[in-house]
């Protein structure tokens, strides 16, 4: 039996300052940009709502 993880890490680009940050796709708390403080992800009871541009899905 092959189990696959349903959750992933995402590389997200901030819409304001264009810096890139790694975010968990099922974040349980708000994630803010380390550079400018803009919200990049908000929890939604399962998968987080991603507010920036998803650059890459990390494995």
N, C-alpha and C. Protein backbone atom coordinates (compact mmCIF):
# COMPACT_ATOMS: atom_id res chain seq x y z
N UNK A 1 0.84 -1.18 0.00
CA UNK A 1 0.00 0.00 0.00
C UNK A 1 0.89 1.24 0.00
N UNK A 2 0.66 2.11 -0.95
CA UNK A 2 1.47 3.31 -1.11
C UNK A 2 0.69 4.52 -0.60
N UNK A 3 1.15 5.09 0.51
CA UNK A 3 0.48 6.27 1.06
C UNK A 3 1.15 7.52 0.51
N UNK A 4 0.34 8.47 0.09
CA UNK A 4 0.87 9.74 -0.41
C UNK A 4 0.41 10.86 0.52
N UNK A 5 1.31 11.76 0.79
CA UNK A 5 0.96 12.91 1.62
C UNK A 5 0.02 13.82 0.84
N UNK A 6 -1.04 14.25 1.50
CA UNK A 6 -1.99 15.14 0.85
C UNK A 6 -1.60 16.60 1.01
N UNK A 7 -0.76 16.88 1.97
CA UNK A 7 -0.35 18.26 2.19
C UNK A 7 1.01 18.50 1.55
N UNK A 8 1.24 19.75 1.18
CA UNK A 8 2.46 20.10 0.47
C UNK A 8 2.99 21.44 0.96
N UNK A 9 4.23 21.68 0.65
CA UNK A 9 4.82 22.99 0.87
C UNK A 9 4.82 23.71 -0.47
N UNK A 10 4.54 25.01 -0.43
CA UNK A 10 4.46 25.82 -1.64
C UNK A 10 5.46 26.97 -1.56
N UNK A 11 6.09 27.27 -2.68
CA UNK A 11 6.92 28.48 -2.76
C UNK A 11 6.00 29.57 -3.28
N UNK A 12 5.81 30.62 -2.48
CA UNK A 12 4.85 31.68 -2.79
C UNK A 12 5.59 33.00 -2.94
N UNK A 13 5.22 33.77 -3.98
CA UNK A 13 5.80 35.10 -4.19
C UNK A 13 4.83 36.15 -3.67
N UNK A 14 5.34 37.06 -2.88
CA UNK A 14 4.54 38.16 -2.33
C UNK A 14 4.13 39.10 -3.47
N UNK A 15 2.86 39.49 -3.47
CA UNK A 15 2.37 40.40 -4.51
C UNK A 15 2.90 41.82 -4.35
N UNK A 16 3.32 42.19 -3.16
CA UNK A 16 3.80 43.56 -2.92
C UNK A 16 5.30 43.71 -3.18
N UNK A 17 6.11 42.93 -2.47
CA UNK A 17 7.56 43.13 -2.54
C UNK A 17 8.28 42.11 -3.41
N UNK A 18 7.55 41.12 -3.92
CA UNK A 18 8.09 40.09 -4.83
C UNK A 18 9.08 39.14 -4.19
N UNK A 19 9.22 39.15 -2.87
CA UNK A 19 10.10 38.17 -2.22
C UNK A 19 9.40 36.81 -2.22
N UNK A 20 10.18 35.74 -2.14
CA UNK A 20 9.63 34.39 -2.16
C UNK A 20 9.78 33.75 -0.79
N UNK A 21 8.79 32.95 -0.43
CA UNK A 21 8.76 32.33 0.89
C UNK A 21 8.09 30.97 0.77
N UNK A 22 8.50 30.02 1.59
CA UNK A 22 7.89 28.69 1.58
C UNK A 22 6.79 28.65 2.63
N UNK A 23 5.60 28.16 2.19
CA UNK A 23 4.40 28.16 3.02
C UNK A 23 3.80 26.75 2.99
N UNK A 24 3.29 26.30 4.13
CA UNK A 24 2.58 25.02 4.21
C UNK A 24 1.17 25.21 3.66
N UNK A 25 0.70 24.33 2.77
CA UNK A 25 -0.60 24.54 2.13
C UNK A 25 -1.78 24.33 3.07
N UNK A 26 -1.54 23.77 4.25
CA UNK A 26 -2.61 23.59 5.24
C UNK A 26 -2.25 24.36 6.52
N UNK A 27 -1.79 25.58 6.34
CA UNK A 27 -1.38 26.41 7.48
C UNK A 27 -2.55 26.62 8.43
N UNK A 28 -2.29 26.49 9.72
CA UNK A 28 -3.35 26.64 10.73
C UNK A 28 -3.34 28.03 11.35
N UNK A 29 -2.42 28.87 10.93
CA UNK A 29 -2.41 30.28 11.36
C UNK A 29 -1.99 31.14 10.18
N UNK A 30 -2.27 32.42 10.26
CA UNK A 30 -1.92 33.33 9.17
C UNK A 30 -0.41 33.35 8.96
N UNK A 31 0.00 33.39 7.70
CA UNK A 31 1.42 33.47 7.35
C UNK A 31 1.65 34.82 6.69
N UNK A 32 2.61 35.57 7.21
CA UNK A 32 2.91 36.89 6.68
C UNK A 32 4.27 36.89 6.00
N UNK A 33 4.42 37.76 5.02
CA UNK A 33 5.69 37.92 4.32
C UNK A 33 6.76 38.36 5.32
N UNK A 34 7.93 37.74 5.26
CA UNK A 34 9.03 38.08 6.16
C UNK A 34 9.62 39.45 5.87
N UNK A 35 9.39 39.98 4.66
CA UNK A 35 9.99 41.25 4.27
C UNK A 35 9.04 42.42 4.53
N UNK A 36 7.82 42.36 4.00
CA UNK A 36 6.92 43.51 4.08
C UNK A 36 5.72 43.31 5.01
N UNK A 37 5.45 42.07 5.42
CA UNK A 37 4.36 41.82 6.36
C UNK A 37 3.00 41.54 5.73
N UNK A 38 2.91 41.53 4.41
CA UNK A 38 1.63 41.23 3.75
C UNK A 38 1.23 39.78 4.05
N UNK A 39 -0.06 39.52 4.17
CA UNK A 39 -0.55 38.16 4.44
C UNK A 39 -0.40 37.31 3.18
N UNK A 40 0.29 36.18 3.32
CA UNK A 40 0.49 35.26 2.20
C UNK A 40 -0.47 34.08 2.24
N UNK A 41 -0.91 33.68 3.44
CA UNK A 41 -1.83 32.55 3.58
C UNK A 41 -2.70 32.75 4.81
N UNK A 42 -3.97 32.39 4.67
CA UNK A 42 -4.91 32.45 5.79
C UNK A 42 -5.56 31.09 5.96
N UNK A 43 -5.68 30.61 7.21
CA UNK A 43 -6.30 29.31 7.44
C UNK A 43 -7.78 29.31 7.07
N UNK A 44 -8.25 28.19 6.54
CA UNK A 44 -9.66 28.06 6.14
C UNK A 44 -10.25 26.72 6.60
N UNK A 45 -9.70 26.14 7.66
CA UNK A 45 -10.25 24.90 8.20
C UNK A 45 -9.81 23.65 7.46
N UNK A 46 -8.91 23.76 6.57
CA UNK A 46 -8.37 22.65 5.78
C UNK A 46 -7.19 23.23 5.03
N UNK A 47 -7.33 23.34 3.73
CA UNK A 47 -6.29 24.01 2.95
C UNK A 47 -6.37 25.51 3.21
N UNK A 48 -5.21 26.12 3.31
CA UNK A 48 -5.15 27.56 3.54
C UNK A 48 -5.45 28.31 2.23
N UNK A 49 -5.98 29.50 2.37
CA UNK A 49 -6.20 30.37 1.21
C UNK A 49 -4.89 31.10 0.95
N UNK A 50 -4.30 30.86 -0.22
CA UNK A 50 -3.02 31.46 -0.58
C UNK A 50 -3.28 32.81 -1.23
N UNK A 51 -2.67 33.87 -0.68
CA UNK A 51 -2.92 35.23 -1.15
C UNK A 51 -1.85 35.72 -2.13
N UNK A 52 -0.73 35.02 -2.23
CA UNK A 52 0.33 35.41 -3.15
C UNK A 52 0.30 34.51 -4.38
N UNK A 53 1.33 34.65 -5.19
CA UNK A 53 1.45 33.85 -6.41
C UNK A 53 2.22 32.57 -6.10
N UNK A 54 1.63 31.42 -6.41
CA UNK A 54 2.31 30.14 -6.19
C UNK A 54 3.31 29.93 -7.31
N UNK A 55 4.58 29.88 -6.94
CA UNK A 55 5.67 29.73 -7.90
C UNK A 55 5.95 28.25 -8.17
N UNK A 56 5.93 27.45 -7.10
CA UNK A 56 6.34 26.05 -7.21
C UNK A 56 5.72 25.23 -6.10
N UNK A 57 5.38 23.98 -6.41
CA UNK A 57 4.92 23.03 -5.40
C UNK A 57 6.11 22.15 -5.07
N UNK A 58 6.52 22.14 -3.81
CA UNK A 58 7.70 21.39 -3.39
C UNK A 58 7.31 19.98 -2.97
N UNK A 59 8.17 19.03 -3.25
CA UNK A 59 7.88 17.62 -2.92
C UNK A 59 8.63 17.19 -1.69
